[in-house]
Amino acid sequence: MRLRNLAGLFLILSLCYSTAFSQKRKVPAPPSRKPPTAVPKPAPAPPPVPKTPAEKVSFILQDYITQADVRMKGKNPPEKTIRLGEGDVNAYIQQAVKTKSRFGVNAVYVKFIGANYLGATTRIDFNKVKVEDQSLPVRMVRSVLSGERQIYVEGFVNTLNGKGQFRLEKAYFGSLRLPVYFIEKVIHFLGSRQNPPIDTSKPVPLPYGLKKIEVLAGAVVLRG
């Protein structure tokens, strides 16, 4: 079983966060006959309010990262479950693509069909793709797939215990159905050229400390 990281799962989409914690050593106050006047602590600033769907998703993913950091310190916080709509996820993906370019991939849009089945439309620069296959079907497909081309794929997503797999079922260029094994090789090549590289020949850890992803009709549920 293989992961086809079109969209890191939905591209994806990997930003690295780190949180540093520091604590100042308390210095005892000098002795005094009068008790020191208590200085009221300022009220904590309210958390920022997301202004766009992309910011909303970013804040949610940051919460999962914070929770994963807590687990790394030996604690066991309760599992967090969040449901995100298709529109919010696509808004985040487009922002992620603009923020950090992906080799050979210029756009990704996902469609949550349901029952852990999804579709993805992506624009690929096939001039950057190298596939070591000179069979007649592949040569025929390569004759029409040159430069930037938009393709559509569908498949099943299976995630468990923090790792994900995507089984490619269909691939199209317009109305032309493409050989699945050829698109698998294209995705494998593109994954190997990402920074950091993605090995699509084996299950890949889910980002943001997530444990499981469930695809529903028009939405996705994140558990972590």
C-alpha atoms as a PDB file:
ATOM      1  CA  MET A   1       0.000   0.000   0.000  1.00  0.00           C
ATOM      2  CA  ARG A   2       1.262   3.421  -0.870  1.00  0.00           C
ATOM      3  CA  LEU A   3       0.656   7.006  -0.001  1.00  0.00           C
ATOM      4  CA  ARG A   4       0.017   9.310  -2.961  1.00  0.00           C
ATOM      5  CA  ASN A   5       0.755  12.638  -1.380  1.00  0.00           C
ATOM      6  CA  LEU A   6      -1.038  15.015  -3.720  1.00  0.00           C
ATOM      7  CA  ALA A   7      -2.643  17.079  -1.300  1.00  0.00           C
ATOM      8  CA  GLY A   8       0.774  16.130   2.022  1.00  0.00           C
ATOM      9  CA  LEU A   9      -2.265  14.354   2.690  1.00  0.00           C
ATOM     10  CA  PHE A  10      -4.018  17.044   0.862  1.00  0.00           C
ATOM     11  CA  LEU A  11      -0.532  18.205  -0.126  1.00  0.00           C
ATOM     12  CA  ILE A  12       0.108  18.768   1.371  1.00  0.00           C
ATOM     13  CA  LEU A  13       0.638  21.265   3.230  1.00  0.00           C
ATOM     14  CA  SER A  14       3.408  21.030   5.710  1.00  0.00           C
ATOM     15  CA  LEU A  15       4.514  23.979   7.796  1.00  0.00           C
ATOM     16  CA  CYS A  16       6.913  23.532  10.666  1.00  0.00           C
ATOM     17  CA  TYR A  17       6.213  25.057  14.011  1.00  0.00           C
ATOM     18  CA  SER A  18       8.312  25.002  17.148  1.00  0.00           C
ATOM     19  CA  THR A  19       7.471  26.214  20.608  1.00  0.00           C
ATOM     20  CA  ALA A  20      10.100  27.266  23.091  1.00  0.00           C
ATOM     21  CA  PHE A  21       9.339  27.572  26.772  1.00  0.00           C
ATOM     22  CA  SER A  22      11.467  29.536  29.218  1.00  0.00           C
ATOM     23  CA  GLN A  23      11.027  30.331  32.860  1.00  0.00           C
ATOM     24  CA  LYS A  24      12.914  33.017  34.755  1.00  0.00           C
ATOM     25  CA  ARG A  25      14.344  32.161  38.135  1.00  0.00           C
ATOM     26  CA  LYS A  26      12.608  34.056  40.889  1.00  0.00           C
ATOM     27  CA  VAL A  27      14.841  36.357  42.910  1.00  0.00           C
ATOM     28  CA  PRO A  28      13.692  36.901  46.519  1.00  0.00           C
ATOM     29  CA  ALA A  29      12.826  40.469  47.391  1.00  0.00           C
ATOM     30  CA  PRO A  30      15.026  42.233  49.968  1.00  0.00           C
ATOM     31  CA  PRO A  31      13.723  42.154  53.548  1.00  0.00           C
ATOM     32  CA  SER A  32      11.399  44.985  54.446  1.00  0.00           C
ATOM     33  CA  ARG A  33       9.407  45.968  57.517  1.00  0.00           C
ATOM     34  CA  LYS A  34       6.387  46.688  55.355  1.00  0.00           C
ATOM     35  CA  PRO A  35       4.880  43.990  53.176  1.00  0.00           C
ATOM     36  CA  PRO A  36       5.439  44.709  49.488  1.00  0.00           C
ATOM     37  CA  THR A  37       2.505  46.144  47.656  1.00  0.00           C
ATOM     38  CA  ALA A  38       0.911  43.507  45.475  1.00  0.00           C
ATOM     39  CA  VAL A  39       0.997  44.454  41.822  1.00  0.00           C
ATOM     40  CA  PRO A  40      -1.973  43.024  39.949  1.00  0.00           C
ATOM     41  CA  LYS A  41      -1.023  40.865  37.000  1.00  0.00           C
ATOM     42  CA  PRO A  42      -2.267  42.091  33.640  1.00  0.00           C
ATOM     43  CA  ALA A  43      -5.067  40.059  32.135  1.00  0.00           C
ATOM     44  CA  PRO A  44      -3.879  37.649  29.429  1.00  0.00           C
ATOM     45  CA  ALA A  45      -4.401  38.864  25.904  1.00  0.00           C
ATOM     46  CA  PRO A  46      -7.329  37.197  24.159  1.00  0.00           C
ATOM     47  CA  PRO A  47      -6.393  34.700  21.460  1.00  0.00           C
ATOM     48  CA  PRO A  48      -6.331  36.099  17.928  1.00  0.00           C
ATOM     49  CA  VAL A  49      -9.493  35.658  15.924  1.00  0.00           C
ATOM     50  CA  PRO A  50      -9.022  34.103  12.470  1.00  0.00           C
ATOM     51  CA  LYS A  51     -10.083  36.475   9.709  1.00  0.00           C
ATOM     52  CA  THR A  52     -10.103  34.049   6.779  1.00  0.00           C
ATOM     53  CA  PRO A  53     -10.890  30.338   6.256  1.00  0.00           C
ATOM     54  CA  ALA A  54      -7.172  29.687   5.680  1.00  0.00           C
ATOM     55  CA  GLU A  55      -6.323  31.298   9.035  1.00  0.00           C
ATOM     56  CA  LYS A  56      -9.051  29.243  10.712  1.00  0.00           C
ATOM     57  CA  VAL A  57      -7.491  25.990   9.514  1.00  0.00           C
ATOM     58  CA  SER A  58      -4.010  27.224  10.393  1.00  0.00           C
ATOM     59  CA  PHE A  59      -5.074  27.972  13.982  1.00  0.00           C
ATOM     60  CA  ILE A  60      -6.673  24.535  14.300  1.00  0.00           C
ATOM     61  CA  LEU A  61      -3.545  22.785  13.031  1.00  0.00           C
ATOM     62  CA  GLN A  62      -1.445  24.816  15.456  1.00  0.00           C
ATOM     63  CA  ASP A  63      -3.599  23.443  18.275  1.00  0.00           C
ATOM     64  CA  TYR A  64      -2.803  19.900  17.137  1.00  0.00           C
ATOM     65  CA  ILE A  65       0.914  20.719  17.051  1.00  0.00           C
ATOM     66  CA  THR A  66       0.731  22.078  20.595  1.00  0.00           C
ATOM     67  CA  GLN A  67      -1.069  18.925  21.718  1.00  0.00           C
ATOM     68  CA  ALA A  68       1.606  16.743  20.088  1.00  0.00           C
ATOM     69  CA  ASP A  69       4.292  18.730  21.956  1.00  0.00           C
ATOM     70  CA  VAL A  70       2.474  18.035  25.230  1.00  0.00           C
ATOM     71  CA  ARG A  71       2.484  14.301  24.494  1.00  0.00           C
ATOM     72  CA  MET A  72       6.215  14.399  23.815  1.00  0.00           C
ATOM     73  CA  LYS A  73       6.671  15.659  27.387  1.00  0.00           C
ATOM     74  CA  GLY A  74       5.061  12.514  28.744  1.00  0.00           C
ATOM     75  CA  LYS A  75       1.562  13.844  29.286  1.00  0.00           C
ATOM     76  CA  ASN A  76      -1.611  12.371  27.833  1.00  0.00           C
ATOM     77  CA  PRO A  77      -4.133  15.087  26.909  1.00  0.00           C
ATOM     78  CA  PRO A  78      -7.594  14.051  25.670  1.00  0.00           C
ATOM     79  CA  GLU A  79      -7.980  13.439  21.967  1.00  0.00           C
ATOM     80  CA  LYS A  80      -9.042  16.447  19.930  1.00  0.00           C
ATOM     81  CA  THR A  81     -11.578  16.030  17.122  1.00  0.00           C
ATOM     82  CA  ILE A  82     -12.304  18.764  14.585  1.00  0.00           C
ATOM     83  CA  ARG A  83     -14.509  18.777  11.484  1.00  0.00           C
ATOM     84  CA  LEU A  84     -13.448  21.004   8.580  1.00  0.00           C
ATOM     85  CA  GLY A  85     -15.490  21.833   5.494  1.00  0.00           C
ATOM     86  CA  GLU A  86     -14.182  21.340   1.976  1.00  0.00           C
ATOM     87  CA  GLY A  87     -14.081  25.097   1.321  1.00  0.00           C
ATOM     88  CA  ASP A  88     -11.933  25.823   4.391  1.00  0.00           C
ATOM     89  CA  VAL A  89      -9.466  23.059   3.526  1.00  0.00           C
ATOM     90  CA  ASN A  90      -9.111  24.262  -0.072  1.00  0.00           C
ATOM     91  CA  ALA A  91      -8.578  27.845   1.096  1.00  0.00           C
ATOM     92  CA  TYR A  92      -5.755  26.639   3.349  1.00  0.00           C
ATOM     93  CA  ILE A  93      -4.189  24.545   0.586  1.00  0.00           C
ATOM     94  CA  GLN A  94      -4.131  27.499  -1.830  1.00  0.00           C
ATOM     95  CA  GLN A  95      -2.498  29.677   0.825  1.00  0.00           C
ATOM     96  CA  ALA A  96       0.053  26.951   1.537  1.00  0.00           C
ATOM     97  CA  VAL A  97       0.942  26.646  -2.155  1.00  0.00           C
ATOM     98  CA  LYS A  98       1.456  30.421  -2.384  1.00  0.00           C
ATOM     99  CA  THR A  99       3.572  30.476   0.780  1.00  0.00           C
ATOM    100  CA  LYS A 100       5.816  27.564  -0.160  1.00  0.00           C
ATOM    101  CA  SER A 101       6.117  26.402  -3.747  1.00  0.00           C
ATOM    102  CA  ARG A 102       6.083  22.667  -4.523  1.00  0.00           C
ATOM    103  CA  PHE A 103       8.267  21.206  -7.240  1.00  0.00           C
ATOM    104  CA  GLY A 104       6.177  20.557 -10.355  1.00  0.00           C
ATOM    105  CA  VAL A 105       2.838  21.210  -8.592  1.00  0.00           C
ATOM    106  CA  ASN A 106       1.147  24.573  -9.022  1.00  0.00           C
ATOM    107  CA  ALA A 107      -2.368  24.017  -7.658  1.00  0.00           C
ATOM    108  CA  VAL A 108      -4.365  21.461  -5.710  1.00  0.00           C
ATOM    109  CA  TYR A 109      -8.105  21.371  -5.043  1.00  0.00           C
ATOM    110  CA  VAL A 110      -9.692  18.533  -3.106  1.00  0.00           C
ATOM    111  CA  LYS A 111     -13.218  17.156  -3.249  1.00  0.00           C
ATOM    112  CA  PHE A 112     -14.438  15.160  -0.237  1.00  0.00           C
ATOM    113  CA  ILE A 113     -16.777  12.523  -1.664  1.00  0.00           C
ATOM    114  CA  GLY A 114     -17.354  10.465   1.475  1.00  0.00           C
ATOM    115  CA  ALA A 115     -16.628   7.032   2.980  1.00  0.00           C
ATOM    116  CA  ASN A 116     -12.886   7.922   3.002  1.00  0.00           C
ATOM    117  CA  TYR A 117     -13.004   8.539  -0.752  1.00  0.00           C
ATOM    118  CA  LEU A 118     -11.794  11.823  -2.241  1.00  0.00           C
ATOM    119  CA  GLY A 119     -10.950  13.475  -5.515  1.00  0.00           C
ATOM    120  CA  ALA A 120      -8.182  15.957  -6.234  1.00  0.00           C
ATOM    121  CA  THR A 121      -7.614  18.309  -9.139  1.00  0.00           C
ATOM    122  CA  THR A 122      -4.004  19.367  -9.552  1.00  0.00           C
ATOM    123  CA  ARG A 123      -1.960  21.277 -12.119  1.00  0.00           C
ATOM    124  CA  ILE A 124       1.348  19.548 -12.861  1.00  0.00           C
ATOM    125  CA  ASP A 125       4.282  20.761 -14.938  1.00  0.00           C
ATOM    126  CA  PHE A 126       4.977  17.600 -16.927  1.00  0.00           C
ATOM    127  CA  ASN A 127       8.119  19.125 -18.441  1.00  0.00           C
ATOM    128  CA  LYS A 128       9.687  18.582 -15.004  1.00  0.00           C
ATOM    129  CA  VAL A 129       8.519  14.989 -14.698  1.00  0.00           C
ATOM    130  CA  LYS A 130      10.856  12.140 -15.607  1.00  0.00           C
ATOM    131  CA  VAL A 131       9.369   8.652 -15.841  1.00  0.00           C
ATOM    132  CA  GLU A 132      11.621   5.761 -16.846  1.00  0.00           C
ATOM    133  CA  ASP A 133       9.041   3.889 -18.879  1.00  0.00           C
ATOM    134  CA  GLN A 134       9.165   3.646 -22.655  1.00  0.00           C
ATOM    135  CA  SER A 135       6.141   1.383 -23.112  1.00  0.00           C
ATOM    136  CA  LEU A 136       3.710   2.302 -25.882  1.00  0.00           C
ATOM    137  CA  PRO A 137       0.843   3.386 -23.551  1.00  0.00           C
ATOM    138  CA  VAL A 138       3.152   5.677 -21.583  1.00  0.00           C
ATOM    139  CA  ARG A 139       4.645   7.189 -24.733  1.00  0.00           C
ATOM    140  CA  MET A 140       1.144   7.880 -26.052  1.00  0.00           C
ATOM    141  CA  VAL A 141       0.137   9.599 -22.807  1.00  0.00           C
ATOM    142  CA  ARG A 142       3.350  11.633 -22.706  1.00  0.00           C
ATOM    143  CA  SER A 143       2.638  12.884 -26.220  1.00  0.00           C
ATOM    144  CA  VAL A 144      -0.385  14.827 -24.886  1.00  0.00           C
ATOM    145  CA  LEU A 145       0.934  15.618 -21.402  1.00  0.00           C
ATOM    146  CA  SER A 146       3.571  18.281 -21.881  1.00  0.00           C
ATOM    147  CA  GLY A 147       3.989  21.585 -20.070  1.00  0.00           C
ATOM    148  CA  GLU A 148       1.443  22.444 -17.397  1.00  0.00           C
ATOM    149  CA  ARG A 149      -1.603  20.199 -17.487  1.00  0.00           C
ATOM    150  CA  GLN A 150      -4.529  19.798 -15.125  1.00  0.00           C
ATOM    151  CA  ILE A 151      -5.377  16.264 -14.080  1.00  0.00           C
ATOM    152  CA  TYR A 152      -8.043  14.821 -11.807  1.00  0.00           C
ATOM    153  CA  VAL A 153      -7.569  11.781  -9.578  1.00  0.00           C
ATOM    154  CA  GLU A 154      -9.765   9.806  -7.178  1.00  0.00           C
ATOM    155  CA  GLY A 155      -8.934   7.292  -4.508  1.00  0.00           C
ATOM    156  CA  PHE A 156      -9.396   5.948  -1.003  1.00  0.00           C
ATOM    157  CA  VAL A 157      -7.708   7.451   2.057  1.00  0.00           C
ATOM    158  CA  ASN A 158      -6.857   5.138   4.937  1.00  0.00           C
ATOM    159  CA  THR A 159      -5.229   6.491   8.084  1.00  0.00           C
ATOM    160  CA  LEU A 160      -4.498   4.827  11.407  1.00  0.00           C
ATOM    161  CA  ASN A 161      -2.142   5.419  14.331  1.00  0.00           C
ATOM    162  CA  GLY A 162      -0.647   8.539  12.819  1.00  0.00           C
ATOM    163  CA  LYS A 163       0.157   7.136   9.352  1.00  0.00           C
ATOM    164  CA  GLY A 164      -1.685   7.511   6.066  1.00  0.00           C
ATOM    165  CA  GLN A 165      -2.191   5.636   2.818  1.00  0.00           C
ATOM    166  CA  PHE A 166      -3.944   6.664  -0.377  1.00  0.00           C
ATOM    167  CA  ARG A 167      -5.021   4.077  -2.954  1.00  0.00           C
ATOM    168  CA  LEU A 168      -5.295   5.647  -6.380  1.00  0.00           C
ATOM    169  CA  GLU A 169      -8.364   4.421  -8.277  1.00  0.00           C
ATOM    170  CA  LYS A 170      -8.856   6.755 -11.265  1.00  0.00           C
ATOM    171  CA  ALA A 171      -6.981   9.480 -13.139  1.00  0.00           C
ATOM    172  CA  TYR A 172      -8.167  11.766 -15.950  1.00  0.00           C
ATOM    173  CA  PHE A 173      -6.837  14.453 -18.248  1.00  0.00           C
ATOM    174  CA  GLY A 174     -10.051  16.106 -19.354  1.00  0.00           C
ATOM    175  CA  SER A 175     -12.198  13.236 -20.636  1.00  0.00           C
ATOM    176  CA  LEU A 176      -9.136  11.050 -21.311  1.00  0.00           C
ATOM    177  CA  ARG A 177      -8.689   8.330 -18.711  1.00  0.00           C
ATOM    178  CA  LEU A 178      -5.021   7.926 -17.804  1.00  0.00           C
ATOM    179  CA  PRO A 179      -3.247   4.688 -16.822  1.00  0.00           C
ATOM    180  CA  VAL A 180      -3.168   4.522 -13.028  1.00  0.00           C
ATOM    181  CA  TYR A 181       0.335   3.021 -12.962  1.00  0.00           C
ATOM    182  CA  PHE A 182       1.656   5.969 -14.989  1.00  0.00           C
ATOM    183  CA  ILE A 183       0.158   8.563 -12.633  1.00  0.00           C
ATOM    184  CA  GLU A 184       1.548   6.578  -9.679  1.00  0.00           C
ATOM    185  CA  LYS A 185       5.014   6.951 -11.187  1.00  0.00           C
ATOM    186  CA  VAL A 186       4.429  10.674 -11.774  1.00  0.00           C
ATOM    187  CA  ILE A 187       3.398  11.172  -8.141  1.00  0.00           C
ATOM    188  CA  HIS A 188       6.350   9.103  -6.915  1.00  0.00           C
ATOM    189  CA  PHE A 189       8.746  11.254  -8.941  1.00  0.00           C
ATOM    190  CA  LEU A 190       7.207  14.518  -7.715  1.00  0.00           C
ATOM    191  CA  GLY A 191       7.293  13.293  -4.116  1.00  0.00           C
ATOM    192  CA  SER A 192      10.997  12.503  -4.383  1.00  0.00           C
ATOM    193  CA  ARG A 193      11.690  16.090  -5.504  1.00  0.00           C
ATOM    194  CA  GLN A 194       9.872  17.836  -2.652  1.00  0.00           C
ATOM    195  CA  ASN A 195      11.669  19.526   0.224  1.00  0.00           C
ATOM    196  CA  PRO A 196      11.863  17.422   2.291  1.00  0.00           C
ATOM    197  CA  PRO A 197      11.499  14.426  -0.064  1.00  0.00           C
ATOM    198  CA  ILE A 198       8.400  12.229   0.289  1.00  0.00           C
ATOM    199  CA  ASP A 199       8.763   8.479  -0.244  1.00  0.00           C
ATOM    200  CA  THR A 200       5.413   7.480  -1.737  1.00  0.00           C
ATOM    201  CA  SER A 201       6.327   3.775  -1.724  1.00  0.00           C
ATOM    202  CA  LYS A 202       5.433   3.387   1.954  1.00  0.00           C
ATOM    203  CA  PRO A 203       3.009   4.806   4.537  1.00  0.00           C
ATOM    204  CA  VAL A 204       3.896   8.338   5.586  1.00  0.00           C
ATOM    205  CA  PRO A 205       3.395   9.879   9.046  1.00  0.00           C
ATOM    206  CA  LEU A 206       0.507  12.333   9.146  1.00  0.00           C
ATOM    207  CA  PRO A 207       1.485  15.970   9.715  1.00  0.00           C
ATOM    208  CA  TYR A 208       0.599  18.116  12.728  1.00  0.00           C
ATOM    209  CA  GLY A 209       0.585  15.186  15.157  1.00  0.00           C
ATOM    210  CA  LEU A 210      -2.672  13.846  13.717  1.00  0.00           C
ATOM    211  CA  LYS A 211      -3.651  10.245  14.471  1.00  0.00           C
ATOM    212  CA  LYS A 212      -6.490   9.749  12.012  1.00  0.00           C
ATOM    213  CA  ILE A 213      -8.296  11.494   9.150  1.00  0.00           C
ATOM    214  CA  GLU A 214     -11.829  10.579   8.101  1.00  0.00           C
ATOM    215  CA  VAL A 215     -13.249  11.780   4.788  1.00  0.00           C
ATOM    216  CA  LEU A 216     -16.978  12.522   4.780  1.00  0.00           C
ATOM    217  CA  ALA A 217     -19.186  14.015   2.082  1.00  0.00           C
ATOM    218  CA  GLY A 218     -18.045  17.647   1.830  1.00  0.00           C
ATOM    219  CA  ALA A 219     -15.939  17.564   4.987  1.00  0.00           C
ATOM    220  CA  VAL A 220     -13.017  15.937   6.738  1.00  0.00           C
ATOM    221  CA  VAL A 221     -12.655  14.957  10.415  1.00  0.00           C
ATOM    222  CA  LEU A 222      -9.250  15.328  12.078  1.00  0.00           C
ATOM    223  CA  ARG A 223      -8.407  13.324  15.195  1.00  0.00           C
ATOM    224  CA  GLY A 224      -5.270  13.825  17.197  1.00  0.00           C
END
